[in-house]
Amino acid sequence: MKNVVLTRIDDRLIHGQVVTGWVRKTDCSRILVVDDQVAKDPFMQRLLKAAAPPKMPVEAKSRADASEWLLQEGEGGERIMILVKVPEAVEDMQKAGLVFDEVVLGGMAAKAGRKKFNKNVSASEEEVACMRRIMERGTKMVFQLVPEETPVDVAKLV
């Protein structure tokens, strides 16, 4: 399996907090956006690459393609940050055989069908159930907007 240094759920994907905080903290060498829609949208991919730090490789893959790619042998020195919009993407990768020690929950915006989960996360009942299933597979999940914040155990929130 490739060397994943951070798996983060954040519906904004690449934005200021990711660029200024998480990239520095993880010293990642590549950002992998796992999202079926973004993987098919060249315009959105260009926007994400423009939002990333200069010279930072950014790739967008579907859930299936990302899982297959991540299960391959890693390259020396490779440090991958995975960004997804929803917890279901993490669960699909787990079902494909990937193992995550920890997932960081960032922002999930309010929208139809979602209820406020905490100050920066709104989630539907199915998304909350999905988070529980991810944790039941042995993955720790914490809520943490920026690296400087104290992580909050999601298991205590659900």
C-alpha atoms as a PDB file:
ATOM      1  CA  MET A   1       0.000   0.000   0.000  1.00  0.00           C
ATOM      2  CA  LYS A   2       1.164   3.516  -0.735  1.00  0.00           C
ATOM      3  CA  ASN A   3       2.213   5.769   2.152  1.00  0.00           C
ATOM      4  CA  VAL A   4      -0.840   7.794   3.213  1.00  0.00           C
ATOM      5  CA  VAL A   5      -0.017  10.481   5.777  1.00  0.00           C
ATOM      6  CA  LEU A   6      -3.491  12.016   6.095  1.00  0.00           C
ATOM      7  CA  THR A   7      -7.017  11.059   5.113  1.00  0.00           C
ATOM      8  CA  ARG A   8      -9.397  13.990   5.482  1.00  0.00           C
ATOM      9  CA  ILE A   9     -13.131  14.446   4.911  1.00  0.00           C
ATOM     10  CA  ASP A  10     -13.753  18.042   3.854  1.00  0.00           C
ATOM     11  CA  ASP A  11     -16.289  19.013   1.214  1.00  0.00           C
ATOM     12  CA  ARG A  12     -14.179  22.014   0.191  1.00  0.00           C
ATOM     13  CA  LEU A  13     -11.283  19.680  -0.667  1.00  0.00           C
ATOM     14  CA  ILE A  14      -8.283  21.973  -1.284  1.00  0.00           C
ATOM     15  CA  HIS A  15      -8.560  25.360   0.410  1.00  0.00           C
ATOM     16  CA  GLY A  16      -6.578  27.671   2.694  1.00  0.00           C
ATOM     17  CA  GLN A  17      -6.603  25.441   5.775  1.00  0.00           C
ATOM     18  CA  VAL A  18      -5.425  22.448   3.766  1.00  0.00           C
ATOM     19  CA  VAL A  19      -2.722  24.417   1.991  1.00  0.00           C
ATOM     20  CA  THR A  20      -1.404  26.366   4.967  1.00  0.00           C
ATOM     21  CA  GLY A  21      -1.887  23.866   7.751  1.00  0.00           C
ATOM     22  CA  TRP A  22      -2.235  20.253   6.775  1.00  0.00           C
ATOM     23  CA  VAL A  23       0.286  20.220   3.933  1.00  0.00           C
ATOM     24  CA  ARG A  24       2.931  21.624   6.278  1.00  0.00           C
ATOM     25  CA  LYS A  25       2.026  19.358   9.185  1.00  0.00           C
ATOM     26  CA  THR A  26       2.054  16.174   7.112  1.00  0.00           C
ATOM     27  CA  ASP A  27       4.926  17.172   4.818  1.00  0.00           C
ATOM     28  CA  CYS A  28       2.962  15.464   2.076  1.00  0.00           C
ATOM     29  CA  SER A  29       4.441  15.112  -1.389  1.00  0.00           C
ATOM     30  CA  ARG A  30       1.156  14.595  -3.252  1.00  0.00           C
ATOM     31  CA  ILE A  31      -2.548  15.331  -2.831  1.00  0.00           C
ATOM     32  CA  LEU A  32      -5.065  12.742  -3.982  1.00  0.00           C
ATOM     33  CA  VAL A  33      -8.665  13.901  -4.322  1.00  0.00           C
ATOM     34  CA  VAL A  34     -10.986  10.900  -4.239  1.00  0.00           C
ATOM     35  CA  ASP A  35     -14.294  11.894  -5.768  1.00  0.00           C
ATOM     36  CA  ASP A  36     -16.152  10.322  -8.687  1.00  0.00           C
ATOM     37  CA  GLN A  37     -17.476  13.650 -10.009  1.00  0.00           C
ATOM     38  CA  VAL A  38     -14.207  15.572  -9.715  1.00  0.00           C
ATOM     39  CA  ALA A  39     -12.388  12.690 -11.446  1.00  0.00           C
ATOM     40  CA  LYS A  40     -14.554  13.357 -14.538  1.00  0.00           C
ATOM     41  CA  ASP A  41     -14.367  17.168 -14.412  1.00  0.00           C
ATOM     42  CA  PRO A  42     -11.182  18.645 -15.958  1.00  0.00           C
ATOM     43  CA  PHE A  43     -12.233  22.193 -15.045  1.00  0.00           C
ATOM     44  CA  MET A  44     -12.628  21.333 -11.354  1.00  0.00           C
ATOM     45  CA  GLN A  45      -9.294  19.504 -11.449  1.00  0.00           C
ATOM     46  CA  ARG A  46      -7.593  22.638 -12.807  1.00  0.00           C
ATOM     47  CA  LEU A  47      -9.149  24.710 -10.003  1.00  0.00           C
ATOM     48  CA  LEU A  48      -7.925  22.283  -7.347  1.00  0.00           C
ATOM     49  CA  LYS A  49      -4.416  22.226  -8.807  1.00  0.00           C
ATOM     50  CA  ALA A  50      -4.396  26.041  -8.815  1.00  0.00           C
ATOM     51  CA  ALA A  51      -5.419  26.077  -5.126  1.00  0.00           C
ATOM     52  CA  ALA A  52      -2.619  23.703  -4.126  1.00  0.00           C
ATOM     53  CA  PRO A  53       0.873  24.857  -3.153  1.00  0.00           C
ATOM     54  CA  PRO A  54       3.192  25.512  -6.098  1.00  0.00           C
ATOM     55  CA  LYS A  55       4.703  22.328  -7.571  1.00  0.00           C
ATOM     56  CA  MET A  56       2.471  20.116  -5.394  1.00  0.00           C
ATOM     57  CA  PRO A  57       1.177  17.226  -7.525  1.00  0.00           C
ATOM     58  CA  VAL A  58      -2.620  16.938  -7.324  1.00  0.00           C
ATOM     59  CA  GLU A  59      -4.557  14.046  -8.803  1.00  0.00           C
ATOM     60  CA  ALA A  60      -8.257  13.300  -8.844  1.00  0.00           C
ATOM     61  CA  LYS A  61      -9.425   9.707  -9.034  1.00  0.00           C
ATOM     62  CA  SER A  62     -12.723   7.910  -8.699  1.00  0.00           C
ATOM     63  CA  ARG A  63     -13.235   5.843  -5.557  1.00  0.00           C
ATOM     64  CA  ALA A  64     -12.546   2.601  -7.435  1.00  0.00           C
ATOM     65  CA  ASP A  65      -9.458   3.904  -9.272  1.00  0.00           C
ATOM     66  CA  ALA A  66      -8.074   5.489  -6.098  1.00  0.00           C
ATOM     67  CA  SER A  67      -8.486   2.261  -4.149  1.00  0.00           C
ATOM     68  CA  GLU A  68      -6.731   0.233  -6.822  1.00  0.00           C
ATOM     69  CA  TRP A  69      -3.906   2.776  -7.096  1.00  0.00           C
ATOM     70  CA  LEU A  70      -3.440   3.147  -3.311  1.00  0.00           C
ATOM     71  CA  LEU A  71      -3.192  -0.624  -2.853  1.00  0.00           C
ATOM     72  CA  GLN A  72      -0.174  -0.729  -5.174  1.00  0.00           C
ATOM     73  CA  GLU A  73       3.386  -0.653  -3.888  1.00  0.00           C
ATOM     74  CA  GLY A  74       4.446   2.825  -2.802  1.00  0.00           C
ATOM     75  CA  GLU A  75       7.458   4.760  -4.031  1.00  0.00           C
ATOM     76  CA  GLY A  76      10.270   5.721  -1.672  1.00  0.00           C
ATOM     77  CA  GLY A  77       9.679   9.039   0.071  1.00  0.00           C
ATOM     78  CA  GLU A  78       6.098   9.304  -1.167  1.00  0.00           C
ATOM     79  CA  ARG A  79       3.706  10.968   1.319  1.00  0.00           C
ATOM     80  CA  ILE A  80       0.085  11.137   0.162  1.00  0.00           C
ATOM     81  CA  MET A  81      -2.728  13.272   1.535  1.00  0.00           C
ATOM     82  CA  ILE A  82      -6.170  11.899   0.646  1.00  0.00           C
ATOM     83  CA  LEU A  83      -9.049  14.380   0.475  1.00  0.00           C
ATOM     84  CA  VAL A  84     -12.689  13.295   0.147  1.00  0.00           C
ATOM     85  CA  LYS A  85     -15.985  15.179   0.368  1.00  0.00           C
ATOM     86  CA  VAL A  86     -18.038  12.550   2.201  1.00  0.00           C
ATOM     87  CA  PRO A  87     -17.438   9.651   4.595  1.00  0.00           C
ATOM     88  CA  GLU A  88     -18.878   7.163   2.087  1.00  0.00           C
ATOM     89  CA  ALA A  89     -15.715   7.587  -0.001  1.00  0.00           C
ATOM     90  CA  VAL A  90     -13.586   6.420   2.938  1.00  0.00           C
ATOM     91  CA  GLU A  91     -15.916   3.496   3.564  1.00  0.00           C
ATOM     92  CA  ASP A  92     -15.747   2.444  -0.101  1.00  0.00           C
ATOM     93  CA  MET A  93     -11.944   2.474   0.063  1.00  0.00           C
ATOM     94  CA  GLN A  94     -12.064   0.386   3.251  1.00  0.00           C
ATOM     95  CA  LYS A  95     -14.327  -2.133   1.500  1.00  0.00           C
ATOM     96  CA  ALA A  96     -11.743  -2.308  -1.313  1.00  0.00           C
ATOM     97  CA  GLY A  97      -9.097  -3.361   1.210  1.00  0.00           C
ATOM     98  CA  LEU A  98      -7.484  -0.118   2.346  1.00  0.00           C
ATOM     99  CA  VAL A  99      -6.761   0.303   6.046  1.00  0.00           C
ATOM    100  CA  PHE A 100      -6.758   3.740   7.644  1.00  0.00           C
ATOM    101  CA  ASP A 101      -5.462   4.244  11.173  1.00  0.00           C
ATOM    102  CA  GLU A 102      -7.106   7.653  11.421  1.00  0.00           C
ATOM    103  CA  VAL A 103      -9.459   9.883   9.433  1.00  0.00           C
ATOM    104  CA  VAL A 104      -9.665  13.618  10.124  1.00  0.00           C
ATOM    105  CA  LEU A 105     -13.129  15.118   9.765  1.00  0.00           C
ATOM    106  CA  GLY A 106     -13.019  18.722   8.599  1.00  0.00           C
ATOM    107  CA  GLY A 107     -15.941  20.698   7.215  1.00  0.00           C
ATOM    108  CA  MET A 108     -19.167  19.361   5.752  1.00  0.00           C
ATOM    109  CA  ALA A 109     -21.553  22.164   4.838  1.00  0.00           C
ATOM    110  CA  ALA A 110     -25.241  22.321   5.700  1.00  0.00           C
ATOM    111  CA  LYS A 111     -27.571  21.238   2.913  1.00  0.00           C
ATOM    112  CA  ALA A 112     -30.891  19.495   2.446  1.00  0.00           C
ATOM    113  CA  GLY A 113     -31.077  16.268   4.433  1.00  0.00           C
ATOM    114  CA  ARG A 114     -28.265  17.184   6.802  1.00  0.00           C
ATOM    115  CA  LYS A 115     -28.495  18.255  10.434  1.00  0.00           C
ATOM    116  CA  LYS A 116     -25.884  20.216  12.335  1.00  0.00           C
ATOM    117  CA  PHE A 117     -23.394  17.749  13.784  1.00  0.00           C
ATOM    118  CA  ASN A 118     -21.101  20.311  15.393  1.00  0.00           C
ATOM    119  CA  LYS A 119     -19.974  23.861  14.608  1.00  0.00           C
ATOM    120  CA  ASN A 120     -18.504  23.050  11.178  1.00  0.00           C
ATOM    121  CA  VAL A 121     -20.101  19.750  10.230  1.00  0.00           C
ATOM    122  CA  SER A 122     -23.583  18.936   9.099  1.00  0.00           C
ATOM    123  CA  ALA A 123     -24.364  15.307   8.346  1.00  0.00           C
ATOM    124  CA  SER A 124     -27.305  13.199   7.299  1.00  0.00           C
ATOM    125  CA  GLU A 125     -28.361  10.173   9.338  1.00  0.00           C
ATOM    126  CA  GLU A 126     -26.753   7.946   6.693  1.00  0.00           C
ATOM    127  CA  GLU A 127     -23.485   9.908   6.838  1.00  0.00           C
ATOM    128  CA  VAL A 128     -23.406   9.560  10.641  1.00  0.00           C
ATOM    129  CA  ALA A 129     -24.109   5.828  10.288  1.00  0.00           C
ATOM    130  CA  CYS A 130     -21.283   5.627   7.757  1.00  0.00           C
ATOM    131  CA  MET A 131     -18.898   7.326  10.194  1.00  0.00           C
ATOM    132  CA  ARG A 132     -19.846   4.744  12.811  1.00  0.00           C
ATOM    133  CA  ARG A 133     -19.136   1.892  10.353  1.00  0.00           C
ATOM    134  CA  ILE A 134     -15.735   3.394   9.502  1.00  0.00           C
ATOM    135  CA  MET A 135     -14.851   3.510  13.204  1.00  0.00           C
ATOM    136  CA  GLU A 136     -16.200  -0.024  13.769  1.00  0.00           C
ATOM    137  CA  ARG A 137     -13.549  -1.210  11.286  1.00  0.00           C
ATOM    138  CA  GLY A 138     -10.883   0.044  13.696  1.00  0.00           C
ATOM    139  CA  THR A 139     -10.281   3.484  12.199  1.00  0.00           C
ATOM    140  CA  LYS A 140     -10.043   6.352  14.650  1.00  0.00           C
ATOM    141  CA  MET A 141     -11.954   9.423  13.482  1.00  0.00           C
ATOM    142  CA  VAL A 142     -11.319  12.888  14.870  1.00  0.00           C
ATOM    143  CA  PHE A 143     -12.833  16.285  14.161  1.00  0.00           C
ATOM    144  CA  GLN A 144     -10.085  18.832  13.591  1.00  0.00           C
ATOM    145  CA  LEU A 145     -10.360  21.863  11.314  1.00  0.00           C
ATOM    146  CA  VAL A 146      -6.715  22.922  11.526  1.00  0.00           C
ATOM    147  CA  PRO A 147      -3.657  21.144  12.914  1.00  0.00           C
ATOM    148  CA  GLU A 148      -3.356  23.658  15.764  1.00  0.00           C
ATOM    149  CA  GLU A 149      -6.757  22.647  17.195  1.00  0.00           C
ATOM    150  CA  THR A 150      -7.103  19.839  19.676  1.00  0.00           C
ATOM    151  CA  PRO A 151      -8.645  16.839  17.901  1.00  0.00           C
ATOM    152  CA  VAL A 152     -12.085  15.762  19.133  1.00  0.00           C
ATOM    153  CA  ASP A 153     -12.913  12.051  19.037  1.00  0.00           C
ATOM    154  CA  VAL A 154     -15.877  11.652  16.664  1.00  0.00           C
ATOM    155  CA  ALA A 155     -16.937   8.494  18.526  1.00  0.00           C
ATOM    156  CA  LYS A 156     -17.926  10.770  21.422  1.00  0.00           C
ATOM    157  CA  LEU A 157     -20.013  12.959  19.104  1.00  0.00           C
ATOM    158  CA  VAL A 158     -22.022  10.193  17.452  1.00  0.00           C
END
